[in-house]
All heavy atoms as atom14 arrays in JSON, in Angstrom:
{
  "sequence": "LEQGLLELIGRAPSAEARERAGARAQAVAPGWSVVNRL",
  "atom14_mask": [
    [1, 1, 1, 1, 1, 1, 1, 1, 0, 0, 0, 0, 0, 0],
    [1, 1, 1, 1, 1, 1, 1, 1, 1, 0, 0, 0, 0, 0],
    [1, 1, 1, 1, 1, 1, 1, 1, 1, 0, 0, 0, 0, 0],
    [1, 1, 1, 1, 0, 0, 0, 0, 0, 0, 0, 0, 0, 0],
    [1, 1, 1, 1, 1, 1, 1, 1, 0, 0, 0, 0, 0, 0],
    [1, 1, 1, 1, 1, 1, 1, 1, 0, 0, 0, 0, 0, 0],
    [1, 1, 1, 1, 1, 1, 1, 1, 1, 0, 0, 0, 0, 0],
    [1, 1, 1, 1, 1, 1, 1, 1, 0, 0, 0, 0, 0, 0],
    [1, 1, 1, 1, 1, 1, 1, 1, 0, 0, 0, 0, 0, 0],
    [1, 1, 1, 1, 0, 0, 0, 0, 0, 0, 0, 0, 0, 0],
    [1, 1, 1, 1, 1, 1, 1, 1, 1, 1, 1, 0, 0, 0],
    [1, 1, 1, 1, 1, 0, 0, 0, 0, 0, 0, 0, 0, 0],
    [1, 1, 1, 1, 1, 1, 1, 0, 0, 0, 0, 0, 0, 0],
    [1, 1, 1, 1, 1, 1, 0, 0, 0, 0, 0, 0, 0, 0],
    [1, 1, 1, 1, 1, 0, 0, 0, 0, 0, 0, 0, 0, 0],
    [1, 1, 1, 1, 1, 1, 1, 1, 1, 0, 0, 0, 0, 0],
    [1, 1, 1, 1, 1, 0, 0, 0, 0, 0, 0, 0, 0, 0],
    [1, 1, 1, 1, 1, 1, 1, 1, 1, 1, 1, 0, 0, 0],
    [1, 1, 1, 1, 1, 1, 1, 1, 1, 0, 0, 0, 0, 0],
    [1, 1, 1, 1, 1, 1, 1, 1, 1, 1, 1, 0, 0, 0],
    [1, 1, 1, 1, 1, 0, 0, 0, 0, 0, 0, 0, 0, 0],
    [1, 1, 1, 1, 0, 0, 0, 0, 0, 0, 0, 0, 0, 0],
    [1, 1, 1, 1, 1, 0, 0, 0, 0, 0, 0, 0, 0, 0],
    [1, 1, 1, 1, 1, 1, 1, 1, 1, 1, 1, 0, 0, 0],
    [1, 1, 1, 1, 1, 0, 0, 0, 0, 0, 0, 0, 0, 0],
    [1, 1, 1, 1, 1, 1, 1, 1, 1, 0, 0, 0, 0, 0],
    [1, 1, 1, 1, 1, 0, 0, 0, 0, 0, 0, 0, 0, 0],
    [1, 1, 1, 1, 1, 1, 1, 0, 0, 0, 0, 0, 0, 0],
    [1, 1, 1, 1, 1, 0, 0, 0, 0, 0, 0, 0, 0, 0],
    [1, 1, 1, 1, 1, 1, 1, 0, 0, 0, 0, 0, 0, 0],
    [1, 1, 1, 1, 0, 0, 0, 0, 0, 0, 0, 0, 0, 0],
    [1, 1, 1, 1, 1, 1, 1, 1, 1, 1, 1, 1, 1, 1],
    [1, 1, 1, 1, 1, 1, 0, 0, 0, 0, 0, 0, 0, 0],
    [1, 1, 1, 1, 1, 1, 1, 0, 0, 0, 0, 0, 0, 0],
    [1, 1, 1, 1, 1, 1, 1, 0, 0, 0, 0, 0, 0, 0],
    [1, 1, 1, 1, 1, 1, 1, 1, 0, 0, 0, 0, 0, 0],
    [1, 1, 1, 1, 1, 1, 1, 1, 1, 1, 1, 0, 0, 0],
    [1, 1, 1, 1, 1, 1, 1, 1, 0, 0, 0, 0, 0, 0]
  ],
  "atom14_positions": [
    [[0.82, -1.21, 0.0], [0.0, 0.0, 0.0], [0.86, 1.26, 0.0], [0.54, 2.25, -0.64], [-0.94, -0.01, 1.21], [-1.89, -1.22, 1.27], [-2.67, -1.2, 2.56], [-2.8, -1.25, 0.06], [0.0, 0.0, 0.0], [0.0, 0.0, 0.0], [0.0, 0.0, 0.0], [0.0, 0.0, 0.0], [0.0, 0.0, 0.0], [0.0, 0.0, 0.0]],
    [[1.93, 1.21, 0.76], [2.91, 2.29, 0.83], [4.14, 1.72, 1.52], [4.13, 0.59, 1.98], [2.37, 3.5, 1.59], [2.01, 3.21, 3.02], [1.38, 4.4, 3.72], [0.37, 4.92, 3.25], [1.94, 4.79, 4.75], [0.0, 0.0, 0.0], [0.0, 0.0, 0.0], [0.0, 0.0, 0.0], [0.0, 0.0, 0.0], [0.0, 0.0, 0.0]],
    [[5.2, 2.49, 1.55], [6.43, 2.01, 2.19], [6.14, 1.65, 3.64], [5.66, 2.48, 4.4], [7.52, 3.07, 2.11], [8.85, 2.63, 2.65], [9.51, 1.57, 1.79], [9.34, 1.53, 0.59], [10.28, 0.7, 2.41], [0.0, 0.0, 0.0], [0.0, 0.0, 0.0], [0.0, 0.0, 0.0], [0.0, 0.0, 0.0], [0.0, 0.0, 0.0]],
    [[6.37, 0.39, 3.99], [6.18, -0.04, 5.37], [4.79, -0.58, 5.67], [4.51, -0.95, 6.79], [0.0, 0.0, 0.0], [0.0, 0.0, 0.0], [0.0, 0.0, 0.0], [0.0, 0.0, 0.0], [0.0, 0.0, 0.0], [0.0, 0.0, 0.0], [0.0, 0.0, 0.0], [0.0, 0.0, 0.0], [0.0, 0.0, 0.0], [0.0, 0.0, 0.0]],
    [[3.89, -0.62, 4.67], [2.53, -1.1, 4.88], [2.11, -1.98, 3.71], [2.17, -1.57, 2.56], [1.56, 0.08, 5.0], [0.08, -0.25, 5.2], [-0.12, -0.99, 6.52], [-0.75, 1.01, 5.16], [0.0, 0.0, 0.0], [0.0, 0.0, 0.0], [0.0, 0.0, 0.0], [0.0, 0.0, 0.0], [0.0, 0.0, 0.0], [0.0, 0.0, 0.0]],
    [[1.69, -3.21, 4.02], [1.23, -4.11, 2.97], [0.01, -4.87, 3.45], [-0.3, -4.89, 4.64], [2.35, -5.08, 2.56], [2.94, -5.99, 3.63], [2.22, -7.32, 3.67], [4.4, -6.2, 3.34], [0.0, 0.0, 0.0], [0.0, 0.0, 0.0], [0.0, 0.0, 0.0], [0.0, 0.0, 0.0], [0.0, 0.0, 0.0], [0.0, 0.0, 0.0]],
    [[-0.71, -5.48, 2.49], [-1.89, -6.25, 2.85], [-1.9, -7.58, 2.12], [-1.36, -7.7, 1.03], [-3.17, -5.47, 2.58], [-3.51, -5.28, 1.13], [-4.83, -4.54, 0.92], [-5.64, -4.43, 1.86], [-5.03, -4.06, -0.2], [0.0, 0.0, 0.0], [0.0, 0.0, 0.0], [0.0, 0.0, 0.0], [0.0, 0.0, 0.0], [0.0, 0.0, 0.0]],
    [[-2.51, -8.54, 2.77], [-2.72, -9.86, 2.19], [-4.2, -9.95, 1.83], [-5.06, -9.68, 2.68], [-2.37, -10.96, 3.19], [-0.97, -10.94, 3.78], [-0.81, -12.08, 4.78], [0.08, -11.03, 2.71], [0.0, 0.0, 0.0], [0.0, 0.0, 0.0], [0.0, 0.0, 0.0], [0.0, 0.0, 0.0], [0.0, 0.0, 0.0], [0.0, 0.0, 0.0]],
    [[-4.49, -10.33, 0.6], [-5.87, -10.42, 0.12], [-6.06, -11.83, -0.45], [-5.2, -12.32, -1.17], [-6.16, -9.39, -0.98], [-5.84, -7.98, -0.48], [-7.59, -9.49, -1.46], [-5.83, -6.95, -1.57], [0.0, 0.0, 0.0], [0.0, 0.0, 0.0], [0.0, 0.0, 0.0], [0.0, 0.0, 0.0], [0.0, 0.0, 0.0], [0.0, 0.0, 0.0]],
    [[-7.18, -12.43, -0.13], [-7.47, -13.74, -0.69], [-8.36, -14.56, 0.22], [-9.09, -14.03, 1.05], [0.0, 0.0, 0.0], [0.0, 0.0, 0.0], [0.0, 0.0, 0.0], [0.0, 0.0, 0.0], [0.0, 0.0, 0.0], [0.0, 0.0, 0.0], [0.0, 0.0, 0.0], [0.0, 0.0, 0.0], [0.0, 0.0, 0.0], [0.0, 0.0, 0.0]],
    [[-8.25, -15.88, 0.06], [-9.09, -16.81, 0.81], [-8.2, -17.82, 1.53], [-7.14, -18.18, 1.05], [-10.0, -17.55, -0.15], [-10.92, -16.63, -0.9], [-11.61, -17.34, -2.01], [-12.58, -18.26, -1.48], [-13.52, -18.85, -2.18], [-13.6, -18.62, -3.47], [-14.37, -19.66, -1.63], [0.0, 0.0, 0.0], [0.0, 0.0, 0.0], [0.0, 0.0, 0.0]],
    [[-8.7, -18.28, 2.65], [-8.0, -19.31, 3.43], [-9.03, -20.34, 3.88], [-10.17, -19.98, 4.18], [-7.31, -18.69, 4.64], [0.0, 0.0, 0.0], [0.0, 0.0, 0.0], [0.0, 0.0, 0.0], [0.0, 0.0, 0.0], [0.0, 0.0, 0.0], [0.0, 0.0, 0.0], [0.0, 0.0, 0.0], [0.0, 0.0, 0.0], [0.0, 0.0, 0.0]],
    [[-8.65, -21.62, 3.93], [-9.6, -22.65, 4.33], [-9.9, -22.63, 5.83], [-10.91, -23.17, 6.25], [-8.91, -23.95, 3.92], [-7.46, -23.62, 3.91], [-7.37, -22.18, 3.52], [0.0, 0.0, 0.0], [0.0, 0.0, 0.0], [0.0, 0.0, 0.0], [0.0, 0.0, 0.0], [0.0, 0.0, 0.0], [0.0, 0.0, 0.0], [0.0, 0.0, 0.0]],
    [[-9.04, -22.02, 6.62], [-9.25, -22.01, 8.07], [-8.63, -20.75, 8.67], [-7.79, -20.09, 8.06], [-8.6, -23.25, 8.72], [-7.2, -23.17, 8.58], [0.0, 0.0, 0.0], [0.0, 0.0, 0.0], [0.0, 0.0, 0.0], [0.0, 0.0, 0.0], [0.0, 0.0, 0.0], [0.0, 0.0, 0.0], [0.0, 0.0, 0.0], [0.0, 0.0, 0.0]],
    [[-9.07, -20.47, 9.9], [-8.51, -19.32, 10.61], [-7.02, -19.55, 10.9], [-6.23, -18.61, 10.88], [-9.28, -19.08, 11.91], [0.0, 0.0, 0.0], [0.0, 0.0, 0.0], [0.0, 0.0, 0.0], [0.0, 0.0, 0.0], [0.0, 0.0, 0.0], [0.0, 0.0, 0.0], [0.0, 0.0, 0.0], [0.0, 0.0, 0.0], [0.0, 0.0, 0.0]],
    [[-6.63, -20.81, 11.15], [-5.22, -21.12, 11.39], [-4.37, -20.8, 10.17], [-3.27, -20.27, 10.3], [-5.05, -22.59, 11.79], [-5.66, -22.96, 13.13], [-7.17, -23.19, 13.06], [-7.71, -23.46, 11.97], [-7.81, -23.06, 14.11], [0.0, 0.0, 0.0], [0.0, 0.0, 0.0], [0.0, 0.0, 0.0], [0.0, 0.0, 0.0], [0.0, 0.0, 0.0]],
    [[-4.87, -21.15, 8.98], [-4.13, -20.87, 7.74], [-4.0, -19.36, 7.54], [-2.96, -18.87, 7.11], [-4.81, -21.53, 6.55], [0.0, 0.0, 0.0], [0.0, 0.0, 0.0], [0.0, 0.0, 0.0], [0.0, 0.0, 0.0], [0.0, 0.0, 0.0], [0.0, 0.0, 0.0], [0.0, 0.0, 0.0], [0.0, 0.0, 0.0], [0.0, 0.0, 0.0]],
    [[-5.08, -18.63, 7.85], [-5.04, -17.17, 7.72], [-3.99, -16.6, 8.66], [-3.17, -15.77, 8.28], [-6.41, -16.57, 8.04], [-6.35, -15.04, 8.07], [-7.65, -14.36, 8.34], [-8.29, -14.85, 9.55], [-9.57, -14.66, 9.82], [-10.34, -14.04, 8.96], [-10.07, -15.1, 10.95], [0.0, 0.0, 0.0], [0.0, 0.0, 0.0], [0.0, 0.0, 0.0]],
    [[-3.99, -17.04, 9.92], [-3.02, -16.54, 10.9], [-1.6, -16.93, 10.52], [-0.67, -16.15, 10.69], [-3.36, -17.06, 12.29], [-4.69, -16.53, 12.84], [-4.77, -15.02, 12.82], [-3.79, -14.35, 13.22], [-5.81, -14.5, 12.39], [0.0, 0.0, 0.0], [0.0, 0.0, 0.0], [0.0, 0.0, 0.0], [0.0, 0.0, 0.0], [0.0, 0.0, 0.0]],
    [[-1.42, -18.14, 10.01], [-0.09, -18.6, 9.59], [0.45, -17.72, 8.46], [1.61, -17.35, 8.46], [-0.17, -20.06, 9.16], [1.09, -20.64, 8.61], [2.11, -20.86, 9.67], [3.3, -21.46, 9.06], [4.28, -21.95, 9.72], [4.23, -21.97, 11.03], [5.32, -22.45, 9.11], [0.0, 0.0, 0.0], [0.0, 0.0, 0.0], [0.0, 0.0, 0.0]],
    [[-0.41, -17.39, 7.5], [0.01, -16.53, 6.38], [0.41, -15.14, 6.9], [1.44, -14.59, 6.47], [-1.1, -16.42, 5.35], [0.0, 0.0, 0.0], [0.0, 0.0, 0.0], [0.0, 0.0, 0.0], [0.0, 0.0, 0.0], [0.0, 0.0, 0.0], [0.0, 0.0, 0.0], [0.0, 0.0, 0.0], [0.0, 0.0, 0.0], [0.0, 0.0, 0.0]],
    [[-0.36, -14.58, 7.81], [-0.02, -13.27, 8.36], [1.28, -13.3, 9.14], [2.11, -12.4, 9.02], [0.0, 0.0, 0.0], [0.0, 0.0, 0.0], [0.0, 0.0, 0.0], [0.0, 0.0, 0.0], [0.0, 0.0, 0.0], [0.0, 0.0, 0.0], [0.0, 0.0, 0.0], [0.0, 0.0, 0.0], [0.0, 0.0, 0.0], [0.0, 0.0, 0.0]],
    [[1.47, -14.36, 9.93], [2.71, -14.49, 10.71], [3.91, -14.67, 9.79], [4.99, -14.13, 10.04], [2.6, -15.66, 11.67], [0.0, 0.0, 0.0], [0.0, 0.0, 0.0], [0.0, 0.0, 0.0], [0.0, 0.0, 0.0], [0.0, 0.0, 0.0], [0.0, 0.0, 0.0], [0.0, 0.0, 0.0], [0.0, 0.0, 0.0], [0.0, 0.0, 0.0]],
    [[3.72, -15.44, 8.72], [4.82, -15.67, 7.78], [5.21, -14.37, 7.08], [6.39, -14.07, 6.92], [4.38, -16.72, 6.75], [5.48, -17.25, 5.91], [6.29, -18.26, 6.73], [7.29, -18.84, 5.86], [8.59, -18.77, 6.1], [9.03, -18.24, 7.21], [9.45, -19.28, 5.27], [0.0, 0.0, 0.0], [0.0, 0.0, 0.0], [0.0, 0.0, 0.0]],
    [[4.2, -13.58, 6.67], [4.48, -12.3, 6.03], [5.21, -11.36, 6.99], [6.17, -10.69, 6.6], [3.17, -11.66, 5.56], [0.0, 0.0, 0.0], [0.0, 0.0, 0.0], [0.0, 0.0, 0.0], [0.0, 0.0, 0.0], [0.0, 0.0, 0.0], [0.0, 0.0, 0.0], [0.0, 0.0, 0.0], [0.0, 0.0, 0.0], [0.0, 0.0, 0.0]],
    [[4.79, -11.35, 8.25], [5.43, -10.48, 9.23], [6.86, -10.92, 9.5], [7.74, -10.1, 9.71], [4.63, -10.48, 10.53], [5.06, -9.4, 11.5], [4.76, -8.01, 10.98], [3.61, -7.65, 10.8], [5.79, -7.22, 10.74], [0.0, 0.0, 0.0], [0.0, 0.0, 0.0], [0.0, 0.0, 0.0], [0.0, 0.0, 0.0], [0.0, 0.0, 0.0]],
    [[7.11, -12.23, 9.46], [8.47, -12.74, 9.68], [9.4, -12.35, 8.54], [10.58, -12.08, 8.77], [8.44, -14.26, 9.84], [0.0, 0.0, 0.0], [0.0, 0.0, 0.0], [0.0, 0.0, 0.0], [0.0, 0.0, 0.0], [0.0, 0.0, 0.0], [0.0, 0.0, 0.0], [0.0, 0.0, 0.0], [0.0, 0.0, 0.0], [0.0, 0.0, 0.0]],
    [[8.88, -12.3, 7.33], [9.71, -11.94, 6.17], [10.0, -10.44, 6.17], [11.09, -10.02, 5.8], [9.01, -12.37, 4.86], [9.74, -11.82, 3.65], [8.93, -13.88, 4.78], [0.0, 0.0, 0.0], [0.0, 0.0, 0.0], [0.0, 0.0, 0.0], [0.0, 0.0, 0.0], [0.0, 0.0, 0.0], [0.0, 0.0, 0.0], [0.0, 0.0, 0.0]],
    [[9.05, -9.63, 6.59], [9.21, -8.18, 6.6], [8.9, -7.63, 7.99], [7.86, -7.03, 8.22], [8.29, -7.55, 5.56], [0.0, 0.0, 0.0], [0.0, 0.0, 0.0], [0.0, 0.0, 0.0], [0.0, 0.0, 0.0], [0.0, 0.0, 0.0], [0.0, 0.0, 0.0], [0.0, 0.0, 0.0], [0.0, 0.0, 0.0], [0.0, 0.0, 0.0]],
    [[9.81, -7.84, 8.96], [9.51, -7.46, 10.35], [9.32, -5.96, 10.56], [8.63, -5.57, 11.49], [10.71, -7.98, 11.13], [11.8, -8.15, 10.14], [11.15, -8.41, 8.82], [0.0, 0.0, 0.0], [0.0, 0.0, 0.0], [0.0, 0.0, 0.0], [0.0, 0.0, 0.0], [0.0, 0.0, 0.0], [0.0, 0.0, 0.0], [0.0, 0.0, 0.0]],
    [[9.88, -5.13, 9.74], [9.72, -3.7, 9.92], [8.46, -3.16, 9.27], [8.18, -1.96, 9.35], [0.0, 0.0, 0.0], [0.0, 0.0, 0.0], [0.0, 0.0, 0.0], [0.0, 0.0, 0.0], [0.0, 0.0, 0.0], [0.0, 0.0, 0.0], [0.0, 0.0, 0.0], [0.0, 0.0, 0.0], [0.0, 0.0, 0.0], [0.0, 0.0, 0.0]],
    [[7.69, -4.01, 8.64], [6.49, -3.59, 7.91], [5.24, -3.92, 8.72], [5.22, -4.87, 9.49], [6.42, -4.31, 6.57], [7.45, -3.84, 5.59], [8.8, -3.92, 5.72], [7.21, -3.23, 4.33], [9.42, -3.4, 4.62], [8.46, -2.97, 3.75], [6.07, -2.89, 3.64], [8.59, -2.37, 2.5], [6.19, -2.3, 2.4], [7.45, -2.03, 1.85]],
    [[4.18, -3.17, 8.49], [2.87, -3.49, 9.07], [2.11, -4.33, 8.06], [2.04, -3.98, 6.88], [2.08, -2.21, 9.36], [2.75, -1.45, 10.34], [0.0, 0.0, 0.0], [0.0, 0.0, 0.0], [0.0, 0.0, 0.0], [0.0, 0.0, 0.0], [0.0, 0.0, 0.0], [0.0, 0.0, 0.0], [0.0, 0.0, 0.0], [0.0, 0.0, 0.0]],
    [[1.54, -5.44, 8.53], [0.81, -6.35, 7.65], [-0.68, -6.28, 7.99], [-1.07, -6.52, 9.13], [1.33, -7.8, 7.81], [0.51, -8.76, 6.96], [2.8, -7.88, 7.47], [0.0, 0.0, 0.0], [0.0, 0.0, 0.0], [0.0, 0.0, 0.0], [0.0, 0.0, 0.0], [0.0, 0.0, 0.0], [0.0, 0.0, 0.0], [0.0, 0.0, 0.0]],
    [[-1.49, -5.95, 6.99], [-2.95, -5.97, 7.14], [-3.41, -7.29, 6.52], [-3.31, -7.49, 5.32], [-3.61, -4.77, 6.44], [-5.12, -4.85, 6.56], [-3.07, -3.46, 6.99], [0.0, 0.0, 0.0], [0.0, 0.0, 0.0], [0.0, 0.0, 0.0], [0.0, 0.0, 0.0], [0.0, 0.0, 0.0], [0.0, 0.0, 0.0], [0.0, 0.0, 0.0]],
    [[-3.89, -8.19, 7.36], [-4.29, -9.51, 6.91], [-5.78, -9.49, 6.57], [-6.63, -9.51, 7.45], [-3.99, -10.56, 7.98], [-4.16, -11.96, 7.49], [-4.8, -12.22, 6.47], [-3.58, -12.9, 8.21], [0.0, 0.0, 0.0], [0.0, 0.0, 0.0], [0.0, 0.0, 0.0], [0.0, 0.0, 0.0], [0.0, 0.0, 0.0], [0.0, 0.0, 0.0]],
    [[-6.09, -9.44, 5.26], [-7.48, -9.4, 4.81], [-7.88, -10.73, 4.17], [-8.75, -10.75, 3.3], [-7.67, -8.25, 3.82], [-7.53, -6.89, 4.51], [-7.88, -5.73, 3.63], [-9.11, -5.94, 2.9], [-9.37, -5.39, 1.72], [-8.49, -4.62, 1.15], [-10.5, -5.62, 1.12], [0.0, 0.0, 0.0], [0.0, 0.0, 0.0], [0.0, 0.0, 0.0]],
    [[-7.24, -11.81, 4.58], [-7.63, -13.12, 4.06], [-8.98, -13.5, 4.67], [-9.18, -13.37, 5.87], [-6.58, -14.18, 4.41], [-5.2, -13.99, 3.77], [-4.26, -15.09, 4.23], [-5.31, -13.96, 2.27], [0.0, 0.0, 0.0], [0.0, 0.0, 0.0], [0.0, 0.0, 0.0], [0.0, 0.0, 0.0], [0.0, 0.0, 0.0], [0.0, 0.0, 0.0]]
  ]
}
C-alpha cells in the first residue's frame, strides 16, 4: 500500500491458515505493518 505497509488479500480454508500466512508475512518483513485481509 505504501512504504512499510502491505496487505494480504485472498481466501483461506481455516482461521489457522489465515493466521499462519499473516505471521509468515510479518516474519519476512519485520519492519512492515501487515494488514491480513484473508
